N, C-alpha and C. Protein backbone atom coordinates (compact mmCIF):
# COMPACT_ATOMS: atom_id res chain seq x y z
N MET A 1 125.72 99.79 130.76
CA MET A 1 124.47 100.75 129.28
C MET A 1 124.96 101.78 128.96
N ILE A 2 124.92 101.70 127.11
CA ILE A 2 125.16 103.16 126.86
C ILE A 2 124.00 103.76 125.76
N ASN A 3 124.53 105.79 125.97
CA ASN A 3 123.59 106.83 125.74
C ASN A 3 124.10 106.95 124.17
N GLN A 4 123.91 106.80 123.49
CA GLN A 4 123.90 107.70 121.81
C GLN A 4 123.22 108.36 121.76
N ARG A 5 122.88 109.67 121.42
CA ARG A 5 121.77 111.04 121.15
C ARG A 5 122.65 110.72 119.28
N GLY A 6 121.22 112.14 118.64
CA GLY A 6 120.93 112.23 117.72
C GLY A 6 119.90 113.28 117.61
N ASN A 7 120.52 114.13 117.27
CA ASN A 7 120.18 115.86 117.99
C ASN A 7 118.90 116.28 116.17
N ALA A 8 118.39 117.59 116.36
CA ALA A 8 117.20 118.15 115.43
C ALA A 8 117.64 119.24 115.40
N VAL A 9 117.74 119.98 114.70
CA VAL A 9 117.17 121.51 114.30
C VAL A 9 116.14 121.34 113.27
N TRP A 10 114.98 121.92 113.31
CA TRP A 10 113.87 122.88 112.25
C TRP A 10 113.69 124.11 112.34
N ASN A 11 114.12 125.09 111.42
CA ASN A 11 113.70 126.14 111.05
C ASN A 11 112.22 126.42 109.94
N GLY A 12 111.53 127.83 110.70
CA GLY A 12 110.73 127.94 110.05
C GLY A 12 109.82 126.23 109.63
N ASP A 13 107.91 126.57 108.67
CA ASP A 13 107.43 126.00 108.41
C ASP A 13 107.08 124.87 108.26
N ILE A 14 106.18 123.59 107.91
CA ILE A 14 106.66 122.83 106.76
C ILE A 14 107.59 122.57 105.21
N LYS A 15 107.97 123.92 105.35
CA LYS A 15 108.30 124.47 104.17
C LYS A 15 109.67 124.38 105.15
N GLY A 16 110.28 124.48 105.39
CA GLY A 16 111.40 124.99 106.35
C GLY A 16 112.14 123.60 105.75
N GLY A 17 113.28 124.03 106.38
CA GLY A 17 114.44 123.01 106.86
C GLY A 17 115.16 122.99 107.32
N GLY A 18 116.06 122.01 108.12
CA GLY A 18 116.72 121.86 109.27
C GLY A 18 117.99 121.25 109.34
N GLU A 19 118.75 121.08 110.23
CA GLU A 19 119.66 119.35 110.12
C GLU A 19 119.70 118.43 110.89
N ILE A 20 119.76 117.64 110.80
CA ILE A 20 119.91 116.67 111.61
C ILE A 20 121.70 116.15 111.92
N SER A 21 122.21 115.81 112.96
CA SER A 21 123.15 115.72 113.96
C SER A 21 123.35 114.59 114.84
N THR A 22 124.04 113.72 114.94
CA THR A 22 124.87 112.43 115.83
C THR A 22 126.02 113.29 116.96
N GLN A 23 125.79 112.68 117.62
CA GLN A 23 126.45 113.23 119.23
C GLN A 23 128.02 113.27 118.77
N SER A 24 128.51 112.33 117.88
CA SER A 24 130.07 112.12 117.37
C SER A 24 130.35 112.85 116.30
N GLY A 25 129.24 113.81 115.71
CA GLY A 25 129.51 114.70 114.81
C GLY A 25 129.96 114.57 113.89
N THR A 26 130.28 112.66 113.83
CA THR A 26 129.75 112.76 112.18
C THR A 26 129.66 112.53 111.08
N VAL A 27 128.25 112.71 111.86
CA VAL A 27 126.97 113.11 110.47
C VAL A 27 126.07 114.17 111.44
N LYS A 28 126.54 115.42 110.28
CA LYS A 28 125.78 116.40 110.51
C LYS A 28 125.24 116.81 109.29
N ALA A 29 123.94 117.12 108.58
CA ALA A 29 123.25 116.86 107.39
C ALA A 29 121.95 118.20 107.14
N PRO A 30 121.02 118.66 106.31
CA PRO A 30 120.15 119.04 106.24
C PRO A 30 119.39 118.36 105.91
N TYR A 31 117.84 118.31 106.04
CA TYR A 31 116.87 117.66 105.89
C TYR A 31 115.69 118.49 105.40
N SER A 32 114.58 117.83 104.71
CA SER A 32 113.66 118.85 104.74
C SER A 32 112.28 117.50 104.23
N VAL A 33 110.87 118.66 103.72
CA VAL A 33 109.94 117.78 103.46
C VAL A 33 111.36 117.66 101.97
N GLY A 34 110.91 118.08 100.95
CA GLY A 34 112.03 118.05 99.83
C GLY A 34 112.43 116.68 99.31
N ALA A 35 112.94 116.89 100.60
CA ALA A 35 114.09 115.96 100.37
C ALA A 35 113.52 114.75 100.83
N ARG A 36 113.18 114.51 101.88
CA ARG A 36 112.48 113.25 102.50
C ARG A 36 110.80 112.88 101.02
N PHE A 37 109.72 113.06 101.32
CA PHE A 37 109.48 113.13 99.88
C PHE A 37 109.56 112.92 98.41
N GLN A 38 110.18 113.99 97.55
CA GLN A 38 110.67 114.34 96.87
C GLN A 38 112.00 114.14 96.09
N GLY A 39 112.31 113.82 97.35
CA GLY A 39 114.10 113.61 95.78
C GLY A 39 114.98 114.31 96.29
N GLU A 40 115.16 115.93 96.24
CA GLU A 40 115.76 116.94 96.64
C GLU A 40 116.77 116.09 97.50
N LYS A 41 117.65 117.07 97.38
CA LYS A 41 118.68 117.08 97.93
C LYS A 41 118.81 117.01 99.73
N GLY A 42 119.41 116.23 100.37
CA GLY A 42 119.50 116.27 101.70
C GLY A 42 119.16 114.62 102.72
N THR A 43 118.78 114.69 103.41
CA THR A 43 118.83 113.67 104.08
C THR A 43 117.29 113.31 104.49
N ASN A 44 117.03 112.11 105.63
CA ASN A 44 115.16 112.26 106.08
C ASN A 44 115.51 111.15 106.90
N PRO A 45 114.37 111.06 107.82
CA PRO A 45 114.26 109.65 109.06
C PRO A 45 114.88 108.55 108.00
N GLU A 46 114.15 108.42 107.51
CA GLU A 46 114.58 106.11 106.16
C GLU A 46 115.76 106.37 106.10
N GLU A 47 116.14 107.21 105.31
CA GLU A 47 117.73 107.15 104.63
C GLU A 47 118.33 106.58 105.78
N LEU A 48 118.31 107.35 107.38
CA LEU A 48 119.11 107.69 108.06
C LEU A 48 118.52 105.44 108.96
N ILE A 49 117.05 105.67 108.81
CA ILE A 49 117.34 104.38 109.62
C ILE A 49 117.74 103.55 109.52
N GLY A 50 118.12 103.91 107.13
CA GLY A 50 118.34 102.57 106.36
C GLY A 50 119.70 102.34 107.08
N ALA A 51 120.49 103.00 106.85
CA ALA A 51 121.81 103.61 107.29
C ALA A 51 121.94 102.64 109.06
N ALA A 52 121.58 103.54 110.22
CA ALA A 52 121.70 102.89 110.90
C ALA A 52 121.13 100.85 111.29
N HIS A 53 120.02 100.59 110.82
CA HIS A 53 119.90 99.25 110.36
C HIS A 53 120.89 98.40 109.96
N ALA A 54 121.62 98.85 108.22
CA ALA A 54 122.42 98.03 107.60
C ALA A 54 123.47 98.88 108.39
N GLY A 55 124.14 99.30 108.90
CA GLY A 55 125.60 99.35 110.09
C GLY A 55 125.09 98.22 111.39
N CYS A 56 124.03 98.26 112.10
CA CYS A 56 123.87 96.93 113.09
C CYS A 56 124.13 95.74 112.81
N TYR A 57 123.58 95.57 111.60
CA TYR A 57 123.13 94.25 110.37
C TYR A 57 124.41 93.69 110.98
N THR A 58 125.28 94.47 109.83
CA THR A 58 126.63 93.99 109.16
C THR A 58 126.91 93.74 110.64
N MET A 59 127.24 94.89 111.50
CA MET A 59 128.40 94.42 112.82
C MET A 59 128.29 93.20 113.72
N PHE A 60 126.51 93.11 113.33
CA PHE A 60 126.08 91.59 113.55
C PHE A 60 126.80 90.64 112.78
N LEU A 61 126.12 90.79 112.57
CA LEU A 61 126.21 89.65 111.44
C LEU A 61 128.02 88.45 111.32
N THR A 62 128.82 90.36 110.96
CA THR A 62 130.05 89.65 110.67
C THR A 62 130.67 89.38 112.93
N GLY A 63 130.48 90.13 113.72
CA GLY A 63 130.41 88.83 115.25
C GLY A 63 130.22 88.12 115.38
N ASN A 64 129.36 87.81 114.79
CA ASN A 64 128.13 85.61 114.92
C ASN A 64 129.61 84.82 113.76
N LEU A 65 129.75 86.19 112.59
CA LEU A 65 130.45 84.95 111.59
C LEU A 65 132.09 84.16 112.66
N THR A 66 132.45 85.98 113.04
CA THR A 66 134.14 85.69 113.50
C THR A 66 134.29 84.64 115.21
N LYS A 67 132.34 85.03 115.73
CA LYS A 67 133.17 84.01 116.80
C LYS A 67 133.31 82.24 116.52
N ALA A 68 132.30 82.40 115.70
CA ALA A 68 131.56 80.79 115.11
C ALA A 68 133.12 80.30 114.33
N GLY A 69 134.23 81.18 114.98
CA GLY A 69 135.15 80.86 113.47
C GLY A 69 135.67 81.16 112.10
N LYS A 70 134.40 81.50 111.76
CA LYS A 70 134.72 82.16 110.22
C LYS A 70 135.76 83.68 109.97
N GLN A 71 136.37 82.85 108.35
CA GLN A 71 137.13 84.79 107.64
C GLN A 71 137.12 85.19 107.59
N VAL A 72 136.15 86.41 107.93
CA VAL A 72 135.60 87.05 107.15
C VAL A 72 135.96 88.62 106.72
N LYS A 73 136.13 88.25 105.51
CA LYS A 73 137.05 89.75 104.72
C LYS A 73 135.89 90.33 104.50
N GLN A 74 134.63 91.25 103.46
CA GLN A 74 134.22 91.68 103.59
C GLN A 74 132.50 91.39 103.37
N ILE A 75 131.67 92.32 104.31
CA ILE A 75 130.44 91.99 104.26
C ILE A 75 130.08 93.58 104.15
N ARG A 76 128.63 93.64 103.10
CA ARG A 76 127.97 94.86 102.42
C ARG A 76 126.91 93.96 102.71
N THR A 77 126.21 95.17 103.39
CA THR A 77 124.10 95.14 103.35
C THR A 77 123.98 96.40 103.12
N GLU A 78 122.72 96.69 102.67
CA GLU A 78 121.84 97.33 102.29
C GLU A 78 120.64 97.51 103.08
N SER A 79 119.93 98.47 103.72
CA SER A 79 118.88 98.10 104.43
C SER A 79 117.61 99.54 103.28
N LYS A 80 116.56 98.54 103.09
CA LYS A 80 115.66 98.84 101.72
C LYS A 80 114.72 99.98 102.47
N VAL A 81 114.07 101.31 103.03
CA VAL A 81 113.33 101.18 104.37
C VAL A 81 112.16 101.86 102.95
N THR A 82 111.11 101.39 103.33
CA THR A 82 110.01 102.43 102.56
C THR A 82 108.60 102.96 103.39
N LEU A 83 108.44 104.00 102.71
CA LEU A 83 107.58 104.21 103.40
C LEU A 83 106.77 104.75 102.30
N ASP A 84 105.30 104.26 103.05
CA ASP A 84 104.21 104.56 102.40
C ASP A 84 103.00 105.54 102.85
N THR A 85 103.78 106.83 101.60
CA THR A 85 102.34 108.25 101.45
C THR A 85 100.50 108.05 101.35
N SER A 86 100.35 106.66 100.88
CA SER A 86 99.29 107.30 100.51
C SER A 86 98.22 106.85 101.63
N GLY A 87 98.03 107.03 103.34
CA GLY A 87 97.43 107.07 103.62
C GLY A 87 96.92 108.36 104.59
N ASP A 88 96.45 108.46 105.14
CA ASP A 88 96.42 109.99 106.13
C ASP A 88 97.53 110.60 106.66
N VAL A 89 98.51 109.51 106.71
CA VAL A 89 99.60 109.76 108.31
C VAL A 89 100.66 108.36 106.55
N PRO A 90 101.89 109.62 106.58
CA PRO A 90 103.05 108.73 105.77
C PRO A 90 103.53 107.32 106.79
N LYS A 91 103.95 106.28 107.03
CA LYS A 91 104.01 104.64 107.54
C LYS A 91 105.06 104.01 106.94
N VAL A 92 106.24 103.49 107.47
CA VAL A 92 106.95 102.87 107.25
C VAL A 92 106.77 101.58 107.28
N VAL A 93 106.51 101.13 106.07
CA VAL A 93 105.40 99.46 106.26
C VAL A 93 106.09 98.19 105.50
N LYS A 94 107.30 98.65 105.38
CA LYS A 94 108.68 97.84 105.43
C LYS A 94 110.45 97.61 105.08
N ILE A 95 110.79 97.09 105.81
CA ILE A 95 112.07 97.06 105.25
C ILE A 95 113.06 95.94 104.08
N SER A 96 113.58 96.44 104.12
CA SER A 96 114.01 95.10 103.38
C SER A 96 115.75 94.83 102.34
N LEU A 97 116.26 94.32 103.90
CA LEU A 97 118.14 93.40 103.87
C LEU A 97 118.34 92.97 102.55
N THR A 98 118.91 93.80 102.22
CA THR A 98 119.75 92.39 101.16
C THR A 98 121.52 92.67 101.63
N THR A 99 121.93 91.42 101.06
CA THR A 99 123.96 91.52 102.08
C THR A 99 124.35 90.32 101.22
N GLU A 100 126.01 90.47 101.32
CA GLU A 100 126.18 89.87 100.84
C GLU A 100 128.12 90.03 101.03
N GLY A 101 128.39 88.63 101.44
CA GLY A 101 129.61 88.69 101.60
C GLY A 101 131.24 87.95 101.64
N GLU A 102 132.14 88.43 101.90
CA GLU A 102 132.98 87.22 101.07
C GLU A 102 133.63 86.49 102.58
N VAL A 103 133.10 85.31 102.46
CA VAL A 103 133.98 84.87 104.29
C VAL A 103 134.32 83.74 103.46
N GLU A 104 135.18 83.17 104.03
CA GLU A 104 136.03 81.96 103.83
C GLU A 104 135.60 80.65 104.95
N GLY A 105 135.56 79.54 104.72
CA GLY A 105 134.77 78.33 105.56
C GLY A 105 133.09 78.46 105.68
N VAL A 106 132.56 79.12 104.87
CA VAL A 106 131.09 78.79 105.06
C VAL A 106 130.83 79.00 103.92
N SER A 107 129.63 77.79 103.76
CA SER A 107 128.90 77.46 102.68
C SER A 107 127.41 78.89 102.51
N GLN A 108 126.91 77.99 101.27
CA GLN A 108 126.25 79.61 101.22
C GLN A 108 124.76 79.57 102.06
N GLU A 109 124.22 78.16 101.91
CA GLU A 109 123.21 77.90 103.62
C GLU A 109 123.94 78.02 104.43
N GLU A 110 124.93 77.98 104.70
CA GLU A 110 125.50 78.67 106.21
C GLU A 110 125.70 80.16 106.34
N PHE A 111 125.79 80.93 105.22
CA PHE A 111 126.41 82.11 105.24
C PHE A 111 124.65 82.92 105.03
N GLN A 112 123.64 81.97 104.53
CA GLN A 112 122.24 82.38 104.78
C GLN A 112 121.31 82.28 105.66
N GLN A 113 121.60 81.35 106.90
CA GLN A 113 121.32 81.20 108.06
C GLN A 113 121.66 82.30 108.84
N PHE A 114 123.60 82.43 108.88
CA PHE A 114 123.56 83.72 109.65
C PHE A 114 122.91 84.74 109.40
N ALA A 115 122.19 85.01 108.00
CA ALA A 115 122.02 86.18 107.36
C ALA A 115 121.01 86.45 107.96
N GLU A 116 120.20 85.10 108.49
CA GLU A 116 118.97 85.47 108.82
C GLU A 116 118.83 85.09 110.46
N ASN A 117 119.54 84.68 110.94
CA ASN A 117 119.74 84.60 112.71
C ASN A 117 119.88 86.18 112.69
N ALA A 118 121.71 87.20 112.15
CA ALA A 118 121.24 88.66 112.03
C ALA A 118 120.69 90.18 111.63
N LYS A 119 119.26 89.27 111.11
CA LYS A 119 117.95 89.73 110.53
C LYS A 119 116.91 89.45 112.04
N GLU A 120 116.92 88.69 112.20
CA GLU A 120 116.39 88.54 113.41
C GLU A 120 117.13 89.68 115.12
N ASN A 121 118.26 88.95 114.89
CA ASN A 121 118.75 89.65 116.62
C ASN A 121 119.23 91.05 116.43
N CYS A 122 119.77 91.61 115.62
CA CYS A 122 120.70 92.52 115.64
C CYS A 122 119.97 93.97 115.75
N PRO A 123 120.46 94.29 117.68
CA PRO A 123 119.33 95.57 117.70
C PRO A 123 118.46 95.88 117.27
N ILE A 124 118.94 96.77 116.53
CA ILE A 124 117.96 97.54 115.66
C ILE A 124 116.96 97.10 115.00
N SER A 125 116.91 95.39 114.36
CA SER A 125 116.12 94.34 113.71
C SER A 125 115.05 94.23 115.28
N GLN A 126 115.61 94.51 115.66
CA GLN A 126 114.74 94.68 117.38
C GLN A 126 114.03 95.25 117.54
N LEU A 127 114.66 97.07 117.45
CA LEU A 127 113.99 97.41 118.02
C LEU A 127 112.56 97.85 116.36
N LEU A 128 112.97 97.85 115.51
CA LEU A 128 111.81 98.05 114.16
C LEU A 128 110.42 97.09 114.23
N LYS A 129 111.01 95.65 115.48
CA LYS A 129 110.51 95.36 114.53
C LYS A 129 108.30 95.00 114.91
N ALA A 130 108.61 96.76 114.59
CA ALA A 130 107.13 96.67 114.85
C ALA A 130 107.17 97.02 113.52
N VAL A 131 107.95 97.69 112.53
CA VAL A 131 107.66 97.69 111.18
C VAL A 131 106.30 95.98 110.59
N PRO A 132 105.68 97.03 109.59
CA PRO A 132 105.01 95.28 109.31
C PRO A 132 105.95 93.89 108.49
N GLU A 133 105.90 94.86 108.05
CA GLU A 133 107.15 93.24 107.30
C GLU A 133 108.74 94.10 107.25
N MET A 134 109.26 92.85 107.54
CA MET A 134 110.93 93.19 107.25
C MET A 134 111.63 91.72 106.88
N GLU A 135 111.83 91.59 105.65
CA GLU A 135 113.19 90.86 104.73
C GLU A 135 113.72 90.86 104.24
N LEU A 136 114.55 89.57 105.00
CA LEU A 136 115.67 89.67 104.06
C LEU A 136 116.11 89.32 103.25
N ALA A 137 115.76 90.08 101.72
CA ALA A 137 115.57 90.02 100.25
C ALA A 137 117.20 88.83 99.68
N LYS A 138 118.03 89.23 99.89
CA LYS A 138 118.52 88.25 100.00
C LYS A 138 120.15 88.41 100.85
N ALA A 139 120.66 86.51 100.24
CA ALA A 139 122.64 86.64 101.20
C ALA A 139 123.25 86.27 100.59
N THR A 140 123.73 86.66 99.87
CA THR A 140 124.80 85.76 98.48
C THR A 140 126.36 85.51 99.31
N LEU A 141 126.71 84.48 98.97
CA LEU A 141 128.16 84.25 99.89
C LEU A 141 128.71 84.44 97.70
N LYS A 142 130.17 85.25 98.03
CA LYS A 142 130.52 85.78 96.98
C LYS A 142 131.71 84.64 97.71
N GLN A 143 132.24 83.93 95.75
CA GLN A 143 133.29 83.05 95.76
C GLN A 143 134.50 83.12 95.89
């Protein structure tokens, strides 16, 4: 078992702000209501979930391609997390993955299959299955 930790500190009331950090110290960023809902400078939980998901997905996809004997040059992924603020409480309602790969020895159809498998099976995708909609919006193999 591997345990990884994230931390958050909040100062003041809801108009205040705080800092989100990771165990490694690699991420140490301010966050606030303004950063989450109004586009102000800083990060927010949904952005961090998107980054974690993109990282996990990309690593998982690369691992599966490598195990299958494919030559991976580069994989780029965006995980777009949609927060619906129209109801009584904000809810994550959709996650959309877009990935692009430079991979030798694989067709577009095979790449699509590998990409779909990673969407279903990477650890963070599995964790996020409670989200009502998770899609692989696009998987493009660069030629």
